[in-house]
Amino acid sequence: MPAKGARTDSAATQRTEPKRINVAVSPDTVRALENVIEREGVTLTEALRRLVGYGDFVYRSVRENREQLMVKGEDTTREVVLL
C-alpha cells in the first residue's frame, strides 16, 4: 500500500526516475561536452544534461514559440537561427 499522499500513477514515476540511454556521438559533440566539463568543473553526465537543456530551450523558443534569440557578447550580437 502506498504511503499517504504518495502518487502511484505512471506519470509521476516517469518524471522522477532517470532513464539510462546509450548513444554514439560525433567528435564535435565530444568536444562540446569536454568544453563544458573543463569550464564548469562538472561530470560528463551533468555536462550532457546542461547541453541538452540549453539546446531544448533554444529549440523550443525558436521552433515552438517563434521567438527570435540574440546572443550578445561584449562587442557583438548574433541572431540564433534554426533551419
N, C-alpha and C. Protein backbone atom coordinates (compact mmCIF):
# COMPACT_ATOMS: atom_id res chain seq x y z
N MET A 1 0.85 -1.17 0.00
CA MET A 1 0.00 0.00 0.00
C MET A 1 0.90 1.24 0.00
N PRO A 2 0.64 2.22 -0.89
CA PRO A 2 1.47 3.41 -0.96
C PRO A 2 1.30 4.28 0.28
N ALA A 3 2.33 5.05 0.58
CA ALA A 3 2.28 5.97 1.71
C ALA A 3 1.22 7.03 1.47
N LYS A 4 0.68 7.55 2.55
CA LYS A 4 -0.36 8.56 2.45
C LYS A 4 0.15 9.75 1.64
N GLY A 5 -0.62 10.16 0.63
CA GLY A 5 -0.26 11.28 -0.21
C GLY A 5 0.72 10.95 -1.33
N ALA A 6 1.21 9.71 -1.38
CA ALA A 6 2.15 9.33 -2.44
C ALA A 6 1.41 9.13 -3.75
N ARG A 7 2.02 9.58 -4.83
CA ARG A 7 1.42 9.39 -6.14
C ARG A 7 1.85 8.03 -6.69
N THR A 8 0.91 7.32 -7.24
CA THR A 8 1.22 5.98 -7.74
C THR A 8 1.05 5.88 -9.25
N ASP A 9 0.62 6.95 -9.93
CA ASP A 9 0.41 6.86 -11.37
C ASP A 9 1.75 6.81 -12.10
N SER A 10 1.74 6.30 -13.31
CA SER A 10 2.98 6.14 -14.07
C SER A 10 3.59 7.46 -14.46
N ALA A 11 2.81 8.53 -14.63
CA ALA A 11 3.35 9.84 -14.99
C ALA A 11 4.29 10.35 -13.89
N ALA A 12 3.92 10.15 -12.64
CA ALA A 12 4.77 10.59 -11.54
C ALA A 12 6.07 9.80 -11.53
N THR A 13 6.02 8.52 -11.80
CA THR A 13 7.21 7.68 -11.84
C THR A 13 8.13 8.12 -12.96
N GLN A 14 7.59 8.41 -14.13
CA GLN A 14 8.40 8.81 -15.27
C GLN A 14 9.11 10.12 -15.00
N ARG A 15 8.52 11.02 -14.27
CA ARG A 15 9.13 12.32 -14.01
C ARG A 15 10.25 12.25 -12.99
N THR A 16 10.22 11.29 -12.09
CA THR A 16 11.18 11.28 -11.00
C THR A 16 12.34 10.31 -11.23
N GLU A 17 12.16 9.31 -12.04
CA GLU A 17 13.22 8.33 -12.24
C GLU A 17 13.97 8.60 -13.53
N PRO A 18 15.31 8.70 -13.46
CA PRO A 18 16.08 8.94 -14.68
C PRO A 18 16.03 7.72 -15.60
N LYS A 19 16.22 7.97 -16.86
CA LYS A 19 16.25 6.90 -17.85
C LYS A 19 17.68 6.79 -18.38
N ARG A 20 18.21 5.61 -18.34
CA ARG A 20 19.56 5.38 -18.84
C ARG A 20 19.49 5.11 -20.34
N ILE A 21 20.35 5.82 -21.10
CA ILE A 21 20.40 5.61 -22.54
C ILE A 21 21.86 5.49 -22.98
N ASN A 22 22.08 4.78 -24.05
CA ASN A 22 23.41 4.67 -24.65
C ASN A 22 23.33 5.26 -26.05
N VAL A 23 24.22 6.19 -26.35
CA VAL A 23 24.21 6.82 -27.66
C VAL A 23 25.63 6.94 -28.20
N ALA A 24 25.74 6.95 -29.50
CA ALA A 24 27.01 7.25 -30.15
C ALA A 24 26.97 8.72 -30.54
N VAL A 25 28.02 9.47 -30.21
CA VAL A 25 28.05 10.89 -30.52
C VAL A 25 29.24 11.22 -31.41
N SER A 26 29.11 12.32 -32.14
CA SER A 26 30.16 12.75 -33.06
C SER A 26 31.34 13.33 -32.28
N PRO A 27 32.49 13.45 -32.94
CA PRO A 27 33.64 14.09 -32.29
C PRO A 27 33.33 15.54 -31.88
N ASP A 28 32.51 16.25 -32.64
CA ASP A 28 32.12 17.61 -32.27
C ASP A 28 31.34 17.63 -30.96
N THR A 29 30.47 16.65 -30.78
CA THR A 29 29.69 16.56 -29.55
C THR A 29 30.60 16.24 -28.37
N VAL A 30 31.56 15.37 -28.57
CA VAL A 30 32.52 15.04 -27.51
C VAL A 30 33.29 16.29 -27.11
N ARG A 31 33.73 17.07 -28.10
CA ARG A 31 34.46 18.32 -27.80
C ARG A 31 33.58 19.30 -27.03
N ALA A 32 32.30 19.40 -27.41
CA ALA A 32 31.37 20.29 -26.71
C ALA A 32 31.22 19.85 -25.25
N LEU A 33 31.08 18.56 -25.04
CA LEU A 33 30.96 18.03 -23.68
C LEU A 33 32.24 18.29 -22.88
N GLU A 34 33.39 18.03 -23.48
CA GLU A 34 34.66 18.26 -22.80
C GLU A 34 34.84 19.74 -22.45
N ASN A 35 34.37 20.61 -23.32
CA ASN A 35 34.45 22.05 -23.07
C ASN A 35 33.66 22.42 -21.82
N VAL A 36 32.44 21.90 -21.70
CA VAL A 36 31.61 22.18 -20.52
C VAL A 36 32.25 21.58 -19.27
N ILE A 37 32.75 20.37 -19.38
CA ILE A 37 33.40 19.70 -18.24
C ILE A 37 34.56 20.54 -17.73
N GLU A 38 35.41 21.00 -18.64
CA GLU A 38 36.59 21.78 -18.24
C GLU A 38 36.21 23.14 -17.68
N ARG A 39 35.31 23.84 -18.34
CA ARG A 39 34.95 25.20 -17.91
C ARG A 39 34.11 25.23 -16.64
N GLU A 40 33.21 24.25 -16.51
CA GLU A 40 32.27 24.27 -15.40
C GLU A 40 32.69 23.36 -14.24
N GLY A 41 33.65 22.47 -14.51
CA GLY A 41 34.10 21.55 -13.46
C GLY A 41 33.02 20.56 -13.05
N VAL A 42 32.27 20.05 -14.04
CA VAL A 42 31.17 19.12 -13.77
C VAL A 42 31.47 17.76 -14.37
N THR A 43 30.64 16.80 -14.04
CA THR A 43 30.79 15.45 -14.57
C THR A 43 30.28 15.40 -16.02
N LEU A 44 30.60 14.32 -16.69
CA LEU A 44 30.11 14.10 -18.05
C LEU A 44 28.58 14.10 -18.07
N THR A 45 27.98 13.44 -17.11
CA THR A 45 26.51 13.39 -17.04
C THR A 45 25.92 14.77 -16.89
N GLU A 46 26.49 15.59 -16.01
CA GLU A 46 25.97 16.94 -15.80
C GLU A 46 26.21 17.82 -17.02
N ALA A 47 27.35 17.66 -17.67
CA ALA A 47 27.62 18.42 -18.89
C ALA A 47 26.59 18.09 -19.97
N LEU A 48 26.27 16.82 -20.10
CA LEU A 48 25.26 16.40 -21.08
C LEU A 48 23.89 16.98 -20.73
N ARG A 49 23.53 16.92 -19.45
CA ARG A 49 22.25 17.49 -19.02
C ARG A 49 22.17 18.98 -19.36
N ARG A 50 23.25 19.70 -19.10
CA ARG A 50 23.25 21.14 -19.37
C ARG A 50 23.12 21.43 -20.85
N LEU A 51 23.92 20.74 -21.67
CA LEU A 51 23.86 21.00 -23.11
C LEU A 51 22.50 20.62 -23.70
N VAL A 52 21.92 19.54 -23.24
CA VAL A 52 20.59 19.16 -23.72
C VAL A 52 19.57 20.20 -23.27
N GLY A 53 19.69 20.65 -22.05
CA GLY A 53 18.78 21.69 -21.54
C GLY A 53 18.88 22.98 -22.33
N TYR A 54 20.11 23.42 -22.62
CA TYR A 54 20.31 24.63 -23.41
C TYR A 54 19.72 24.44 -24.81
N GLY A 55 20.02 23.30 -25.40
CA GLY A 55 19.52 23.03 -26.74
C GLY A 55 18.01 22.98 -26.78
N ASP A 56 17.40 22.37 -25.78
CA ASP A 56 15.94 22.31 -25.72
C ASP A 56 15.34 23.70 -25.59
N PHE A 57 15.96 24.54 -24.77
CA PHE A 57 15.48 25.91 -24.60
C PHE A 57 15.52 26.67 -25.92
N VAL A 58 16.65 26.59 -26.61
CA VAL A 58 16.78 27.29 -27.89
C VAL A 58 15.81 26.73 -28.91
N TYR A 59 15.75 25.42 -29.02
CA TYR A 59 14.88 24.77 -30.00
C TYR A 59 13.42 25.17 -29.79
N ARG A 60 12.94 25.04 -28.54
CA ARG A 60 11.54 25.37 -28.28
C ARG A 60 11.25 26.85 -28.47
N SER A 61 12.19 27.69 -28.08
CA SER A 61 11.98 29.13 -28.24
C SER A 61 11.80 29.51 -29.70
N VAL A 62 12.66 28.97 -30.54
CA VAL A 62 12.62 29.32 -31.96
C VAL A 62 11.53 28.56 -32.71
N ARG A 63 11.45 27.26 -32.52
CA ARG A 63 10.50 26.43 -33.29
C ARG A 63 9.07 26.53 -32.80
N GLU A 64 8.87 26.40 -31.52
CA GLU A 64 7.51 26.35 -31.00
C GLU A 64 6.94 27.74 -30.71
N ASN A 65 7.74 28.60 -30.15
CA ASN A 65 7.24 29.92 -29.75
C ASN A 65 7.49 31.00 -30.79
N ARG A 66 8.23 30.63 -31.83
CA ARG A 66 8.56 31.56 -32.92
C ARG A 66 9.23 32.83 -32.40
N GLU A 67 10.09 32.65 -31.40
CA GLU A 67 10.80 33.78 -30.82
C GLU A 67 12.14 33.96 -31.54
N GLN A 68 12.63 35.15 -31.49
CA GLN A 68 13.94 35.46 -32.04
C GLN A 68 14.92 35.51 -30.88
N LEU A 69 16.02 34.77 -30.99
CA LEU A 69 17.01 34.76 -29.92
C LEU A 69 18.26 35.49 -30.38
N MET A 70 18.80 36.30 -29.51
CA MET A 70 20.01 37.05 -29.79
C MET A 70 21.07 36.66 -28.76
N VAL A 71 22.30 36.48 -29.23
CA VAL A 71 23.42 36.19 -28.34
C VAL A 71 24.29 37.43 -28.32
N LYS A 72 24.39 38.05 -27.16
CA LYS A 72 25.14 39.29 -27.03
C LYS A 72 26.46 39.05 -26.33
N GLY A 73 27.53 39.50 -26.95
CA GLY A 73 28.85 39.47 -26.35
C GLY A 73 29.26 40.89 -25.99
N GLU A 74 30.51 41.05 -25.64
CA GLU A 74 30.99 42.39 -25.29
C GLU A 74 30.91 43.34 -26.48
N ASP A 75 31.30 42.85 -27.64
CA ASP A 75 31.37 43.71 -28.82
C ASP A 75 30.44 43.29 -29.96
N THR A 76 29.78 42.16 -29.83
CA THR A 76 28.98 41.66 -30.94
C THR A 76 27.62 41.16 -30.48
N THR A 77 26.70 41.09 -31.42
CA THR A 77 25.41 40.49 -31.20
C THR A 77 25.13 39.56 -32.38
N ARG A 78 24.71 38.34 -32.08
CA ARG A 78 24.39 37.37 -33.13
C ARG A 78 22.98 36.88 -32.96
N GLU A 79 22.32 36.61 -34.07
CA GLU A 79 20.96 36.06 -34.04
C GLU A 79 21.05 34.55 -34.15
N VAL A 80 20.24 33.84 -33.36
CA VAL A 80 20.19 32.38 -33.42
C VAL A 80 19.10 32.00 -34.41
N VAL A 81 19.47 31.24 -35.43
CA VAL A 81 18.53 30.81 -36.46
C VAL A 81 18.60 29.30 -36.57
N LEU A 82 17.44 28.63 -36.46
CA LEU A 82 17.37 27.19 -36.67
C LEU A 82 16.75 26.92 -38.03
N LEU A 83 17.39 26.12 -38.84
CA LEU A 83 16.85 25.79 -40.16
C LEU A 83 16.08 24.50 -40.12
